[in-house]
Amino acid sequence: MPIPRFDLEYTALIIVDMQEKLVPVMDQQPSLIKQIRILIQGCGILKIPILITEQYPQGLGKSIEPITQVLPDETYCQEKKSFSALTEQVYQQLISRGIRQVILAGIETHICLQQTALDTLSKGLITGIVVDATSSRNPMDKKIAIKRMIQAGAIPLTSESILFELQKTAASETFKAISKLVK
């Protein structure tokens, strides 16, 4: 079966748990933050719905400022206690908007991101994992989780590749703005 292309009309971005007490202990933290910021800004330019989750924010803190300062105003924020970001409320929010494809980024790759991907796949959503915008404390955990998600049917992506895939052409109105982001 051919791997489908992501389409602006049916895609949402889910940023998982980029929180104050979690981000500082992640591997490759500066690169992680940079790539997620690019992804958020690019999806904002492309008018793709963005959902951000926070795992037990009373204990783990809120989303970090470098991330919140680039979020579009219409971003949907969901607190959660489950590891998966695909709560019934989030799933209904996606379906009500006609979303059939999700792009996942955030932390930790081998826990919350992986469980979210397995849940989105089980609900029939085409699922992309933005590999350069994910992290775990231990690089081996991330590596194994990425392999498992791909084996389950997730599509590996990079921030730059998905932003250009969603545009489809250099003739689009958004091309220059996206190009500036990834340089």
C-alpha atoms as a PDB file:
ATOM      1  CA  MET A   1       0.000   0.000   0.000  1.00  0.00           C
ATOM      2  CA  PRO A   2       1.459   3.394  -0.964  1.00  0.00           C
ATOM      3  CA  ILE A   3       2.262   5.842   1.799  1.00  0.00           C
ATOM      4  CA  PRO A   4      -0.190   8.741   1.544  1.00  0.00           C
ATOM      5  CA  ARG A   5       0.875  12.346   1.223  1.00  0.00           C
ATOM      6  CA  PHE A   6      -0.111  14.760   3.935  1.00  0.00           C
ATOM      7  CA  ASP A   7      -2.702  17.323   2.872  1.00  0.00           C
ATOM      8  CA  LEU A   8      -3.302  20.775   4.387  1.00  0.00           C
ATOM      9  CA  GLU A   9      -7.041  20.271   4.501  1.00  0.00           C
ATOM     10  CA  TYR A  10      -6.992  17.097   6.623  1.00  0.00           C
ATOM     11  CA  THR A  11      -3.905  17.526   8.827  1.00  0.00           C
ATOM     12  CA  ALA A  12      -3.355  18.669  12.427  1.00  0.00           C
ATOM     13  CA  LEU A  13      -0.154  19.073  14.440  1.00  0.00           C
ATOM     14  CA  ILE A  14       0.000  17.651  17.953  1.00  0.00           C
ATOM     15  CA  ILE A  15       2.837  18.871  20.207  1.00  0.00           C
ATOM     16  CA  VAL A  16       3.199  16.567  23.203  1.00  0.00           C
ATOM     17  CA  ASP A  17       4.296  17.685  26.690  1.00  0.00           C
ATOM     18  CA  MET A  18       6.994  20.328  26.079  1.00  0.00           C
ATOM     19  CA  GLN A  19       6.905  21.282  29.764  1.00  0.00           C
ATOM     20  CA  GLU A  20       9.112  23.114  32.254  1.00  0.00           C
ATOM     21  CA  LYS A  21      10.244  20.082  34.272  1.00  0.00           C
ATOM     22  CA  LEU A  22      10.539  17.690  31.328  1.00  0.00           C
ATOM     23  CA  VAL A  23      12.383  19.636  28.619  1.00  0.00           C
ATOM     24  CA  PRO A  24      15.575  20.367  30.639  1.00  0.00           C
ATOM     25  CA  VAL A  25      16.391  16.653  30.964  1.00  0.00           C
ATOM     26  CA  MET A  26      15.874  15.773  27.288  1.00  0.00           C
ATOM     27  CA  ASP A  27      18.676  14.698  24.957  1.00  0.00           C
ATOM     28  CA  GLN A  28      19.582  17.283  22.295  1.00  0.00           C
ATOM     29  CA  GLN A  29      17.378  19.883  23.988  1.00  0.00           C
ATOM     30  CA  PRO A  30      18.441  22.994  21.948  1.00  0.00           C
ATOM     31  CA  SER A  31      17.829  21.207  18.640  1.00  0.00           C
ATOM     32  CA  LEU A  32      14.502  19.830  19.880  1.00  0.00           C
ATOM     33  CA  ILE A  33      13.223  23.289  20.820  1.00  0.00           C
ATOM     34  CA  LYS A  34      14.471  24.827  17.559  1.00  0.00           C
ATOM     35  CA  GLN A  35      12.756  22.197  15.382  1.00  0.00           C
ATOM     36  CA  ILE A  36       9.471  22.355  17.276  1.00  0.00           C
ATOM     37  CA  ARG A  37       9.440  26.150  16.980  1.00  0.00           C
ATOM     38  CA  ILE A  38       9.996  25.848  13.206  1.00  0.00           C
ATOM     39  CA  LEU A  39       7.238  23.256  12.979  1.00  0.00           C
ATOM     40  CA  ILE A  40       4.759  25.381  14.953  1.00  0.00           C
ATOM     41  CA  GLN A  41       5.549  28.547  13.014  1.00  0.00           C
ATOM     42  CA  GLY A  42       5.325  26.705   9.696  1.00  0.00           C
ATOM     43  CA  CYS A  43       2.003  25.094  10.591  1.00  0.00           C
ATOM     44  CA  GLY A  44       0.794  28.523  11.723  1.00  0.00           C
ATOM     45  CA  ILE A  45       1.692  29.996   8.324  1.00  0.00           C
ATOM     46  CA  LEU A  46      -0.069  27.079   6.621  1.00  0.00           C
ATOM     47  CA  LYS A  47      -3.140  27.475   8.887  1.00  0.00           C
ATOM     48  CA  ILE A  48      -2.920  23.891  10.145  1.00  0.00           C
ATOM     49  CA  PRO A  49      -4.740  23.282  13.450  1.00  0.00           C
ATOM     50  CA  ILE A  50      -2.336  22.871  16.364  1.00  0.00           C
ATOM     51  CA  LEU A  51      -3.004  21.000  19.585  1.00  0.00           C
ATOM     52  CA  ILE A  52      -0.569  21.123  22.487  1.00  0.00           C
ATOM     53  CA  THR A  53      -0.781  18.800  25.466  1.00  0.00           C
ATOM     54  CA  GLU A  54       0.472  19.140  29.018  1.00  0.00           C
ATOM     55  CA  GLN A  55       0.978  16.070  31.189  1.00  0.00           C
ATOM     56  CA  TYR A  56      -0.116  16.825  34.771  1.00  0.00           C
ATOM     57  CA  PRO A  57       0.923  20.518  34.627  1.00  0.00           C
ATOM     58  CA  GLN A  58       0.453  20.966  38.405  1.00  0.00           C
ATOM     59  CA  GLY A  59       3.504  18.741  38.915  1.00  0.00           C
ATOM     60  CA  LEU A  60       5.443  19.038  35.640  1.00  0.00           C
ATOM     61  CA  GLY A  61       4.852  22.714  34.912  1.00  0.00           C
ATOM     62  CA  LYS A  62       3.341  24.470  31.928  1.00  0.00           C
ATOM     63  CA  SER A  63       4.617  24.406  28.355  1.00  0.00           C
ATOM     64  CA  ILE A  64       7.959  26.207  28.067  1.00  0.00           C
ATOM     65  CA  GLU A  65       8.007  29.822  26.940  1.00  0.00           C
ATOM     66  CA  PRO A  66      10.099  29.288  23.770  1.00  0.00           C
ATOM     67  CA  ILE A  67       7.214  27.102  22.571  1.00  0.00           C
ATOM     68  CA  THR A  68       4.224  29.103  23.846  1.00  0.00           C
ATOM     69  CA  GLN A  69       5.541  32.359  22.399  1.00  0.00           C
ATOM     70  CA  VAL A  70       5.213  31.008  18.836  1.00  0.00           C
ATOM     71  CA  LEU A  71       1.834  29.292  19.215  1.00  0.00           C
ATOM     72  CA  PRO A  72      -0.994  30.791  17.145  1.00  0.00           C
ATOM     73  CA  ASP A  73      -3.878  32.246  19.183  1.00  0.00           C
ATOM     74  CA  GLU A  74      -6.292  29.513  18.097  1.00  0.00           C
ATOM     75  CA  THR A  75      -4.083  26.705  19.474  1.00  0.00           C
ATOM     76  CA  TYR A  76      -6.043  24.137  21.476  1.00  0.00           C
ATOM     77  CA  CYS A  77      -4.370  23.159  24.776  1.00  0.00           C
ATOM     78  CA  GLN A  78      -5.295  19.918  26.538  1.00  0.00           C
ATOM     79  CA  GLU A  79      -4.219  18.867  30.024  1.00  0.00           C
ATOM     80  CA  LYS A  80      -3.883  15.131  30.469  1.00  0.00           C
ATOM     81  CA  LYS A  81      -2.942  12.436  32.938  1.00  0.00           C
ATOM     82  CA  SER A  82      -2.903   9.569  30.458  1.00  0.00           C
ATOM     83  CA  PHE A  83       0.361   9.048  28.609  1.00  0.00           C
ATOM     84  CA  SER A  84      -1.377   9.173  25.225  1.00  0.00           C
ATOM     85  CA  ALA A  85      -2.402  12.590  23.972  1.00  0.00           C
ATOM     86  CA  LEU A  86      -5.313  11.025  22.092  1.00  0.00           C
ATOM     87  CA  THR A  87      -7.938  11.335  24.782  1.00  0.00           C
ATOM     88  CA  GLU A  88     -11.567  10.911  23.717  1.00  0.00           C
ATOM     89  CA  GLN A  89     -11.969  14.700  23.909  1.00  0.00           C
ATOM     90  CA  VAL A  90      -8.966  15.261  21.613  1.00  0.00           C
ATOM     91  CA  TYR A  91     -10.164  12.565  19.199  1.00  0.00           C
ATOM     92  CA  GLN A  92     -13.618  14.165  18.973  1.00  0.00           C
ATOM     93  CA  GLN A  93     -11.999  17.580  18.415  1.00  0.00           C
ATOM     94  CA  LEU A  94      -9.980  16.178  15.494  1.00  0.00           C
ATOM     95  CA  ILE A  95     -12.882  14.293  13.914  1.00  0.00           C
ATOM     96  CA  SER A  96     -15.225  17.284  14.201  1.00  0.00           C
ATOM     97  CA  ARG A  97     -12.708  19.305  12.157  1.00  0.00           C
ATOM     98  CA  GLY A  98     -12.404  16.619   9.470  1.00  0.00           C
ATOM     99  CA  ILE A  99      -8.848  15.720  10.481  1.00  0.00           C
ATOM    100  CA  ARG A 100      -7.648  12.392   9.095  1.00  0.00           C
ATOM    101  CA  GLN A 101      -3.899  12.950   9.340  1.00  0.00           C
ATOM    102  CA  VAL A 102      -1.815  13.927  12.381  1.00  0.00           C
ATOM    103  CA  ILE A 103       1.761  15.075  12.702  1.00  0.00           C
ATOM    104  CA  LEU A 104       3.299  14.306  16.093  1.00  0.00           C
ATOM    105  CA  ALA A 105       6.235  16.005  17.840  1.00  0.00           C
ATOM    106  CA  GLY A 106       7.366  16.468  21.423  1.00  0.00           C
ATOM    107  CA  ILE A 107       8.482  14.331  24.351  1.00  0.00           C
ATOM    108  CA  GLU A 108       9.154  11.733  25.514  1.00  0.00           C
ATOM    109  CA  THR A 109       9.396   9.777  22.293  1.00  0.00           C
ATOM    110  CA  HIS A 110       9.239   6.352  23.947  1.00  0.00           C
ATOM    111  CA  ILE A 111       6.365   7.132  26.324  1.00  0.00           C
ATOM    112  CA  CYS A 112       3.764   9.778  25.496  1.00  0.00           C
ATOM    113  CA  LEU A 113       4.624  10.202  21.818  1.00  0.00           C
ATOM    114  CA  GLN A 114       4.727   6.464  21.163  1.00  0.00           C
ATOM    115  CA  GLN A 115       1.449   5.801  22.974  1.00  0.00           C
ATOM    116  CA  THR A 116      -0.176   8.695  21.112  1.00  0.00           C
ATOM    117  CA  ALA A 117       1.043   7.320  17.781  1.00  0.00           C
ATOM    118  CA  LEU A 118      -0.211   3.820  18.566  1.00  0.00           C
ATOM    119  CA  ASP A 119      -3.610   5.266  19.515  1.00  0.00           C
ATOM    120  CA  THR A 120      -3.909   7.522  16.448  1.00  0.00           C
ATOM    121  CA  LEU A 121      -2.988   4.594  14.214  1.00  0.00           C
ATOM    122  CA  SER A 122      -5.520   2.336  15.924  1.00  0.00           C
ATOM    123  CA  LYS A 123      -8.221   4.958  15.238  1.00  0.00           C
ATOM    124  CA  GLY A 124      -7.312   4.938  11.538  1.00  0.00           C
ATOM    125  CA  LEU A 125      -5.565   8.310  11.463  1.00  0.00           C
ATOM    126  CA  ILE A 126      -2.572   8.627   9.153  1.00  0.00           C
ATOM    127  CA  THR A 127       0.242   9.415  11.566  1.00  0.00           C
ATOM    128  CA  GLY A 128       3.558  11.145  10.943  1.00  0.00           C
ATOM    129  CA  ILE A 129       6.380  11.329  13.484  1.00  0.00           C
ATOM    130  CA  VAL A 130       8.619  14.384  13.126  1.00  0.00           C
ATOM    131  CA  VAL A 131      11.830  12.628  14.111  1.00  0.00           C
ATOM    132  CA  ASP A 132      13.954  15.788  14.462  1.00  0.00           C
ATOM    133  CA  ALA A 133      11.282  17.335  16.720  1.00  0.00           C
ATOM    134  CA  THR A 134      11.109  14.504  19.273  1.00  0.00           C
ATOM    135  CA  SER A 135      13.342  13.486  22.150  1.00  0.00           C
ATOM    136  CA  SER A 136      13.767  11.271  25.178  1.00  0.00           C
ATOM    137  CA  ARG A 137      16.222  11.434  28.042  1.00  0.00           C
ATOM    138  CA  ASN A 138      18.043   8.422  26.624  1.00  0.00           C
ATOM    139  CA  PRO A 139      18.820   8.376  22.858  1.00  0.00           C
ATOM    140  CA  MET A 140      18.369   4.585  22.751  1.00  0.00           C
ATOM    141  CA  ASP A 141      14.784   4.928  24.022  1.00  0.00           C
ATOM    142  CA  LYS A 142      14.042   7.373  21.198  1.00  0.00           C
ATOM    143  CA  LYS A 143      15.680   5.159  18.584  1.00  0.00           C
ATOM    144  CA  ILE A 144      13.698   2.056  19.562  1.00  0.00           C
ATOM    145  CA  ALA A 145      10.421   4.008  19.875  1.00  0.00           C
ATOM    146  CA  ILE A 146      10.833   5.496  16.380  1.00  0.00           C
ATOM    147  CA  LYS A 147      11.414   1.988  14.986  1.00  0.00           C
ATOM    148  CA  ARG A 148       8.352   0.635  16.787  1.00  0.00           C
ATOM    149  CA  MET A 149       6.113   3.483  15.581  1.00  0.00           C
ATOM    150  CA  ILE A 150       7.289   3.002  11.988  1.00  0.00           C
ATOM    151  CA  GLN A 151       6.651  -0.754  12.234  1.00  0.00           C
ATOM    152  CA  ALA A 152       3.149   0.057  13.499  1.00  0.00           C
ATOM    153  CA  GLY A 153       2.515   2.234  10.439  1.00  0.00           C
ATOM    154  CA  ALA A 154       3.688   5.731  11.377  1.00  0.00           C
ATOM    155  CA  ILE A 155       5.470   7.752   8.712  1.00  0.00           C
ATOM    156  CA  PRO A 156       8.889   9.199   9.629  1.00  0.00           C
ATOM    157  CA  LEU A 157       9.245  12.905   8.805  1.00  0.00           C
ATOM    158  CA  THR A 158      11.509  15.869   9.441  1.00  0.00           C
ATOM    159  CA  SER A 159      10.301  19.384  10.193  1.00  0.00           C
ATOM    160  CA  GLU A 160      11.474  20.690   6.850  1.00  0.00           C
ATOM    161  CA  SER A 161      10.193  17.760   4.789  1.00  0.00           C
ATOM    162  CA  ILE A 162       6.641  17.936   6.157  1.00  0.00           C
ATOM    163  CA  LEU A 163       6.374  21.723   5.782  1.00  0.00           C
ATOM    164  CA  PHE A 164       7.352  21.506   2.113  1.00  0.00           C
ATOM    165  CA  GLU A 165       5.162  18.440   1.529  1.00  0.00           C
ATOM    166  CA  LEU A 166       2.151  20.329   2.863  1.00  0.00           C
ATOM    167  CA  GLN A 167       2.844  23.259   0.496  1.00  0.00           C
ATOM    168  CA  LYS A 168       3.190  20.979  -2.533  1.00  0.00           C
ATOM    169  CA  THR A 169       4.716  23.734  -4.712  1.00  0.00           C
ATOM    170  CA  ALA A 170       7.128  26.643  -4.674  1.00  0.00           C
ATOM    171  CA  ALA A 171       4.375  28.645  -6.389  1.00  0.00           C
ATOM    172  CA  SER A 172       2.330  28.756  -3.175  1.00  0.00           C
ATOM    173  CA  GLU A 173       1.814  32.022  -1.287  1.00  0.00           C
ATOM    174  CA  THR A 174       3.507  30.530   1.776  1.00  0.00           C
ATOM    175  CA  PHE A 175       6.695  29.314   0.108  1.00  0.00           C
ATOM    176  CA  LYS A 176       8.919  32.309   0.948  1.00  0.00           C
ATOM    177  CA  ALA A 177       7.801  32.414   4.595  1.00  0.00           C
ATOM    178  CA  ILE A 178       8.401  28.684   5.066  1.00  0.00           C
ATOM    179  CA  SER A 179      11.761  28.880   3.278  1.00  0.00           C
ATOM    180  CA  LYS A 180      12.912  31.617   5.674  1.00  0.00           C
ATOM    181  CA  LEU A 181      11.967  29.453   8.668  1.00  0.00           C
ATOM    182  CA  VAL A 182      14.086  26.468   7.654  1.00  0.00           C
ATOM    183  CA  LYS A 183      17.241  28.394   6.645  1.00  0.00           C
END
